[in-house]
Amino acid sequence: MLAYAKFVDSAVRKTLTAFCAVLLLLMVAFTVYSVVMRYVFENPPVWGDLLTVLSNIWLVFFALALTVRDKDHIALDLIYSWLPLKASFFIQQFWSLVICALGVVMIVYGMEAVSTMGGKYWEMWYFAWEDGGFVFKPNYMPKKYAIAIVPISGFLVSIAALASVLEDSMRLKAGTFKQARDMDVPADADQP
């Protein structure tokens, strides 16, 4: 069971990292295309800026889940280093559970926002699921598609926070738990 959980965790991390890389690439491509079309050909696309912004927003929300899972989010690591190991453990778990609760809030209010969001992007075409298949819609993408990332990210953040709590609990039980610090620095790096 533990091996399966580690496999799923690794697969989700790799998938989210790949999504972030693709969104970053799309963001750059949309920007370059828009600038070239605007200043070289004097015929900018109406959708260029919108897709750049949407790619950026989705990138940030996917990256949020990755930072929560890797414990790279904003934390007061210096305070943890002054505390006894068990106190540091409980404070870290408290903050992870607060982040998990934030994810639940994102799910609840994100679903409400998606279901009640009106309006459409006049400059965007899209695909819709109708009659058992995808249908091309030539214009007017609903705005709810753009903010659908909020509940998706909320779910991913909640799961990442819970996985972090479980991982830390198992490490504490095994005696390998370490206080939070910059995870990119090897443990022996602070030795002169």
Protein backbone atom coordinates (compact mmCIF):
# COMPACT_ATOMS: atom_id res chain seq x y z
CA MET A 1 0.00 0.00 0.00
CA LEU A 2 2.82 2.41 0.89
CA ALA A 3 4.62 1.68 -2.38
CA TYR A 4 1.41 2.40 -4.30
CA ALA A 5 0.93 5.72 -2.44
CA LYS A 6 4.53 6.72 -3.24
CA PHE A 7 3.99 5.81 -6.89
CA VAL A 8 0.80 7.92 -7.09
CA ASP A 9 2.52 10.81 -5.29
CA SER A 10 5.43 10.71 -7.72
CA ALA A 11 3.12 10.44 -10.74
CA VAL A 12 1.04 13.42 -9.59
CA ARG A 13 4.18 15.50 -8.98
CA LYS A 14 5.55 14.68 -12.42
CA THR A 15 2.20 15.38 -14.08
CA LEU A 16 1.81 18.75 -12.34
CA THR A 17 5.40 19.66 -13.19
CA ALA A 18 4.75 18.77 -16.83
CA PHE A 19 1.54 20.88 -16.84
CA CYS A 20 3.50 23.81 -15.38
CA ALA A 21 6.22 23.43 -18.01
CA VAL A 22 3.66 23.29 -20.84
CA LEU A 23 1.79 26.31 -19.47
CA LEU A 24 5.03 28.28 -19.18
CA LEU A 25 5.93 27.36 -22.75
CA LEU A 26 2.45 28.37 -23.94
CA MET A 27 2.66 31.64 -22.06
CA VAL A 28 5.95 32.50 -23.76
CA ALA A 29 4.70 31.34 -27.17
CA PHE A 30 1.47 33.37 -26.93
CA THR A 31 3.41 36.45 -25.86
CA VAL A 32 6.02 36.17 -28.62
CA TYR A 33 3.36 35.48 -31.24
CA SER A 34 1.28 38.45 -30.10
CA VAL A 35 4.26 40.82 -30.06
CA VAL A 36 5.47 39.72 -33.49
CA MET A 37 1.98 39.99 -34.96
CA ARG A 38 1.44 43.39 -33.34
CA TYR A 39 4.73 45.11 -34.21
CA VAL A 40 5.92 43.30 -37.32
CA PHE A 41 2.69 42.48 -39.14
CA GLU A 42 0.46 45.08 -37.46
CA ASN A 43 -2.28 42.48 -37.09
CA PRO A 44 -2.37 41.32 -33.46
CA PRO A 45 -4.63 38.40 -32.53
CA VAL A 46 -7.56 39.29 -30.30
CA TRP A 47 -6.97 36.21 -28.18
CA GLY A 48 -3.21 36.55 -27.56
CA ASP A 49 -3.19 38.55 -24.34
CA LEU A 50 -6.09 36.61 -22.84
CA LEU A 51 -4.43 33.23 -23.42
CA THR A 52 -1.17 34.55 -21.97
CA VAL A 53 -2.95 35.66 -18.79
CA LEU A 54 -4.97 32.44 -18.50
CA SER A 55 -1.83 30.33 -18.95
CA ASN A 56 -0.14 32.35 -16.21
CA ILE A 57 -3.07 31.95 -13.81
CA TRP A 58 -3.33 28.21 -14.36
CA LEU A 59 0.46 27.87 -14.00
CA VAL A 60 0.43 29.64 -10.64
CA PHE A 61 -2.44 27.52 -9.30
CA PHE A 62 -0.82 24.24 -10.36
CA ALA A 63 2.51 25.40 -8.91
CA LEU A 64 0.74 26.15 -5.62
CA ALA A 65 -0.09 22.48 -5.19
CA LEU A 66 3.53 21.54 -5.95
CA THR A 67 4.92 24.01 -3.41
CA VAL A 68 2.56 22.73 -0.71
CA ARG A 69 3.58 19.13 -1.35
CA ASP A 70 7.30 19.94 -1.40
CA LYS A 71 6.96 22.24 1.62
CA ASP A 72 8.48 25.11 -0.35
CA HIS A 73 5.71 27.51 0.60
CA ILE A 74 6.27 30.49 2.86
CA ALA A 75 7.19 29.30 6.33
CA LEU A 76 9.04 30.56 9.36
CA ASP A 77 11.84 28.01 9.17
CA LEU A 78 14.08 29.95 11.55
CA ILE A 79 11.52 29.60 14.35
CA TYR A 80 11.34 25.84 13.78
CA SER A 81 15.10 25.54 14.22
CA TRP A 82 14.84 27.11 17.71
CA LEU A 83 12.12 24.75 18.87
CA PRO A 84 12.40 21.20 20.17
CA LEU A 85 11.78 18.57 17.52
CA LYS A 86 8.30 17.55 18.71
CA ALA A 87 7.12 21.17 19.05
CA SER A 88 8.43 21.91 15.58
CA PHE A 89 6.63 18.83 14.26
CA PHE A 90 3.27 19.85 15.73
CA ILE A 91 3.52 23.45 14.52
CA GLN A 92 4.43 22.29 11.02
CA GLN A 93 1.50 19.89 10.99
CA PHE A 94 -0.83 22.61 12.25
CA TRP A 95 0.16 24.86 9.34
CA SER A 96 -0.19 22.01 6.88
CA LEU A 97 -3.72 21.42 8.16
CA VAL A 98 -4.48 25.15 7.84
CA ILE A 99 -3.31 24.96 4.21
CA CYS A 100 -5.50 21.87 3.75
CA ALA A 101 -8.47 23.85 5.08
CA LEU A 102 -7.62 26.65 2.65
CA GLY A 103 -7.78 24.05 -0.12
CA VAL A 104 -11.24 22.99 1.05
CA VAL A 105 -12.34 26.65 0.99
CA MET A 106 -10.99 26.91 -2.56
CA ILE A 107 -13.01 23.83 -3.53
CA VAL A 108 -16.28 25.02 -1.97
CA TYR A 109 -16.19 28.63 -3.10
CA GLY A 110 -14.47 27.78 -6.37
CA MET A 111 -17.30 25.39 -7.28
CA GLU A 112 -19.81 28.08 -6.36
CA ALA A 113 -17.96 30.63 -8.51
CA VAL A 114 -17.78 28.24 -11.45
CA SER A 115 -21.47 27.38 -11.25
CA THR A 116 -22.61 31.00 -10.97
CA MET A 117 -20.06 32.66 -13.28
CA GLY A 118 -21.76 34.42 -16.13
CA GLY A 119 -20.36 36.02 -19.20
CA LYS A 120 -18.24 34.84 -22.07
CA TYR A 121 -14.96 35.72 -23.70
CA TRP A 122 -16.02 37.02 -27.08
CA GLU A 123 -12.57 36.51 -28.56
CA MET A 124 -12.20 32.83 -27.66
CA TRP A 125 -13.38 29.69 -29.40
CA TYR A 126 -13.66 26.46 -27.45
CA PHE A 127 -14.68 22.83 -27.47
CA ALA A 128 -17.73 21.57 -25.61
CA TRP A 129 -19.04 18.11 -24.78
CA GLU A 130 -22.39 17.62 -26.48
CA ASP A 131 -24.29 14.52 -27.57
CA GLY A 132 -21.53 12.17 -26.44
CA GLY A 133 -18.65 13.93 -28.19
CA PHE A 134 -16.56 17.09 -28.44
CA VAL A 135 -18.07 19.83 -30.57
CA PHE A 136 -16.16 22.87 -31.85
CA LYS A 137 -17.74 26.16 -30.80
CA PRO A 138 -16.48 28.98 -33.02
CA ASN A 139 -16.85 31.79 -30.51
CA TYR A 140 -17.69 32.91 -26.98
CA MET A 141 -15.93 30.67 -24.46
CA PRO A 142 -17.72 30.81 -21.08
CA LYS A 143 -15.72 32.56 -18.35
CA LYS A 144 -16.36 29.69 -15.97
CA TYR A 145 -13.79 27.65 -17.92
CA ALA A 146 -11.09 30.12 -16.94
CA ILE A 147 -11.81 29.99 -13.20
CA ALA A 148 -12.32 26.22 -13.08
CA ILE A 149 -8.70 26.04 -11.90
CA VAL A 150 -9.70 27.33 -8.44
CA PRO A 151 -11.56 24.20 -7.25
CA ILE A 152 -9.11 21.95 -9.12
CA SER A 153 -6.20 23.61 -7.35
CA GLY A 154 -8.07 23.50 -4.04
CA PHE A 155 -8.40 19.74 -4.36
CA LEU A 156 -4.73 19.36 -5.26
CA VAL A 157 -3.62 21.65 -2.41
CA SER A 158 -5.73 19.73 0.13
CA ILE A 159 -4.38 16.38 -1.01
CA ALA A 160 -0.81 17.73 -1.04
CA ALA A 161 -1.15 19.09 2.49
CA LEU A 162 -2.57 15.81 3.78
CA ALA A 163 0.19 13.85 2.04
CA SER A 164 2.73 16.14 3.68
CA VAL A 165 1.20 15.55 7.11
CA LEU A 166 1.16 11.78 6.60
CA GLU A 167 4.74 11.77 5.33
CA ASP A 168 5.98 13.83 8.28
CA SER A 169 4.05 11.63 10.75
CA MET A 170 5.63 8.50 9.30
CA ARG A 171 9.07 10.12 9.48
CA LEU A 172 8.53 11.13 13.12
CA LYS A 173 7.45 7.59 13.97
CA ALA A 174 10.51 6.18 12.18
CA GLY A 175 12.80 8.72 13.87
CA THR A 176 13.86 10.39 10.60
CA PHE A 177 11.81 13.59 10.89
CA LYS A 178 13.83 16.80 10.55
CA GLN A 179 12.76 20.32 11.28
CA ALA A 180 11.69 22.38 8.28
CA ARG A 181 14.43 24.25 6.49
CA ASP A 182 15.37 24.97 2.94
CA MET A 183 14.92 21.52 1.43
CA ASP A 184 17.37 22.30 -1.39
CA VAL A 185 20.32 22.56 1.01
CA PRO A 186 21.87 19.21 1.98
CA ALA A 187 21.79 18.44 5.72
CA ASP A 188 25.57 18.56 6.01
CA ALA A 189 25.88 21.88 4.13
CA ASP A 190 25.71 23.96 7.30
CA GLN A 191 28.72 22.16 8.73
CA PRO A 192 31.96 24.19 8.30
